[in-house]
Amino acid sequence: MEPSERITVRLNSETAAALKILVDRGEFESLSDAVRKAMEDFIAVRLTSEEISKIVSDIDIEDDSSVIGKSDVEAMNRSIREAVTGFVRTKMDEDDSDTQNVEKKKIR
């Protein structure tokens, strides 16, 4: 399981009820999953590809040999960086596509 931080969020009762409906419909396993996905989507829209890339390049899984070996840590770091690189490339492609669509509208 990847390292995580616990953050407490207060929601108004309407928002909490809406999230519970999504969980009850099976769209999410839990309220935490629903909030996590909402935050990930929010961040993907608000941060630039460069900012996301910087955050990920600063991530290093600490070597705790009592849990995992050094080669596993290196493999995990590599996998995380590859996954984020793919995400950033996709985000940049979307940004390029949006820019091209705006330019096409200006030409018309």
Protein backbone atom coordinates (compact mmCIF):
# COMPACT_ATOMS: atom_id res chain seq x y z
CA MET A 1 0.00 0.00 0.00
CA GLU A 2 1.38 3.41 -0.89
CA PRO A 3 2.12 5.90 1.87
CA SER A 4 -0.72 8.27 2.61
CA GLU A 5 -1.64 11.12 4.90
CA ARG A 6 -4.84 11.42 6.85
CA ILE A 7 -6.67 14.70 6.35
CA THR A 8 -9.96 15.52 8.04
CA VAL A 9 -12.49 17.38 5.91
CA ARG A 10 -15.74 18.93 7.08
CA LEU A 11 -18.57 18.84 4.53
CA ASN A 12 -22.04 20.28 4.71
CA SER A 13 -24.80 17.69 5.10
CA GLU A 14 -25.95 18.01 1.48
CA THR A 15 -22.50 17.23 0.10
CA ALA A 16 -22.05 14.32 2.52
CA ALA A 17 -25.47 12.93 1.53
CA ALA A 18 -24.59 13.21 -2.18
CA LEU A 19 -21.34 11.33 -1.62
CA LYS A 20 -23.18 8.62 0.33
CA ILE A 21 -25.55 8.17 -2.62
CA LEU A 22 -22.56 7.63 -4.93
CA VAL A 23 -21.13 5.06 -2.52
CA ASP A 24 -24.52 3.33 -2.19
CA ARG A 25 -24.80 3.16 -6.00
CA GLY A 26 -21.46 1.38 -6.06
CA GLU A 27 -19.51 4.11 -7.83
CA PHE A 28 -17.05 4.18 -4.92
CA GLU A 29 -16.16 1.66 -2.23
CA SER A 30 -16.23 4.25 0.54
CA LEU A 31 -16.67 7.92 1.32
CA SER A 32 -12.88 8.19 1.55
CA ASP A 33 -12.55 6.80 -1.99
CA ALA A 34 -15.12 9.31 -3.29
CA VAL A 35 -13.38 12.27 -1.63
CA ARG A 36 -9.95 11.01 -2.75
CA LYS A 37 -11.10 10.77 -6.39
CA ALA A 38 -12.65 14.24 -6.22
CA MET A 39 -9.39 15.67 -4.88
CA GLU A 40 -7.32 13.89 -7.53
CA ASP A 41 -9.57 15.29 -10.28
CA PHE A 42 -9.46 18.77 -8.72
CA ILE A 43 -5.65 18.70 -8.56
CA ALA A 44 -5.34 17.40 -12.13
CA VAL A 45 -7.36 20.37 -13.36
CA ARG A 46 -5.69 23.01 -11.17
CA LEU A 47 -2.00 22.07 -11.34
CA THR A 48 0.13 22.29 -14.43
CA SER A 49 1.97 19.26 -15.76
CA GLU A 50 5.22 20.81 -14.58
CA GLU A 51 3.91 21.25 -11.03
CA ILE A 52 2.70 17.64 -10.91
CA SER A 53 6.01 16.44 -12.31
CA LYS A 54 7.92 18.43 -9.64
CA ILE A 55 5.82 16.93 -6.84
CA VAL A 56 6.44 13.43 -8.12
CA SER A 57 10.17 13.93 -8.66
CA ASP A 58 10.39 14.92 -4.99
CA ILE A 59 8.71 11.67 -3.87
CA ASP A 60 11.08 9.07 -2.55
CA ILE A 61 9.95 5.98 -0.74
CA GLU A 62 12.11 5.56 2.33
CA ASP A 63 14.11 2.38 2.59
CA ASP A 64 12.78 0.40 5.53
CA SER A 65 14.50 -2.95 5.19
CA SER A 66 12.29 -4.36 7.93
CA VAL A 67 9.36 -4.04 5.52
CA ILE A 68 10.85 -4.12 2.02
CA GLY A 69 14.29 -4.57 0.53
CA LYS A 70 16.37 -1.86 -1.17
CA SER A 71 15.81 -3.29 -4.65
CA ASP A 72 12.04 -3.22 -4.01
CA VAL A 73 12.26 0.44 -3.00
CA GLU A 74 14.13 1.28 -6.18
CA ALA A 75 11.58 -0.63 -8.28
CA MET A 76 8.70 1.15 -6.52
CA ASN A 77 10.30 4.57 -7.07
CA ARG A 78 10.85 3.75 -10.74
CA SER A 79 7.26 2.52 -11.14
CA ILE A 80 5.83 5.64 -9.49
CA ARG A 81 7.91 7.92 -11.69
CA GLU A 82 6.89 6.00 -14.83
CA ALA A 83 3.21 6.17 -13.88
CA VAL A 84 3.39 9.89 -13.18
CA THR A 85 5.37 10.52 -16.36
CA GLY A 86 2.59 8.81 -18.30
CA PHE A 87 0.00 10.90 -16.47
CA VAL A 88 1.90 14.12 -17.16
CA ARG A 89 2.28 13.25 -20.84
CA THR A 90 -1.46 12.59 -21.09
CA LYS A 91 -2.19 15.89 -19.34
CA MET A 92 0.19 17.74 -21.67
CA ASP A 93 -1.44 16.11 -24.70
CA GLU A 94 -4.84 17.25 -23.41
CA ASP A 95 -3.47 20.77 -22.89
CA ASP A 96 -2.06 20.77 -26.44
CA SER A 97 -5.38 19.53 -27.82
CA ASP A 98 -7.27 22.25 -25.95
CA THR A 99 -4.87 24.89 -27.31
CA GLN A 100 -5.32 23.59 -30.87
CA ASN A 101 -9.12 23.66 -30.50
CA VAL A 102 -8.98 27.28 -29.29
CA GLU A 103 -6.75 28.22 -32.22
CA LYS A 104 -9.12 26.51 -34.69
CA LYS A 105 -12.05 28.49 -33.27
CA LYS A 106 -10.09 31.74 -33.69
CA ILE A 107 -9.40 30.91 -37.35
CA ARG A 108 -13.09 30.30 -38.10
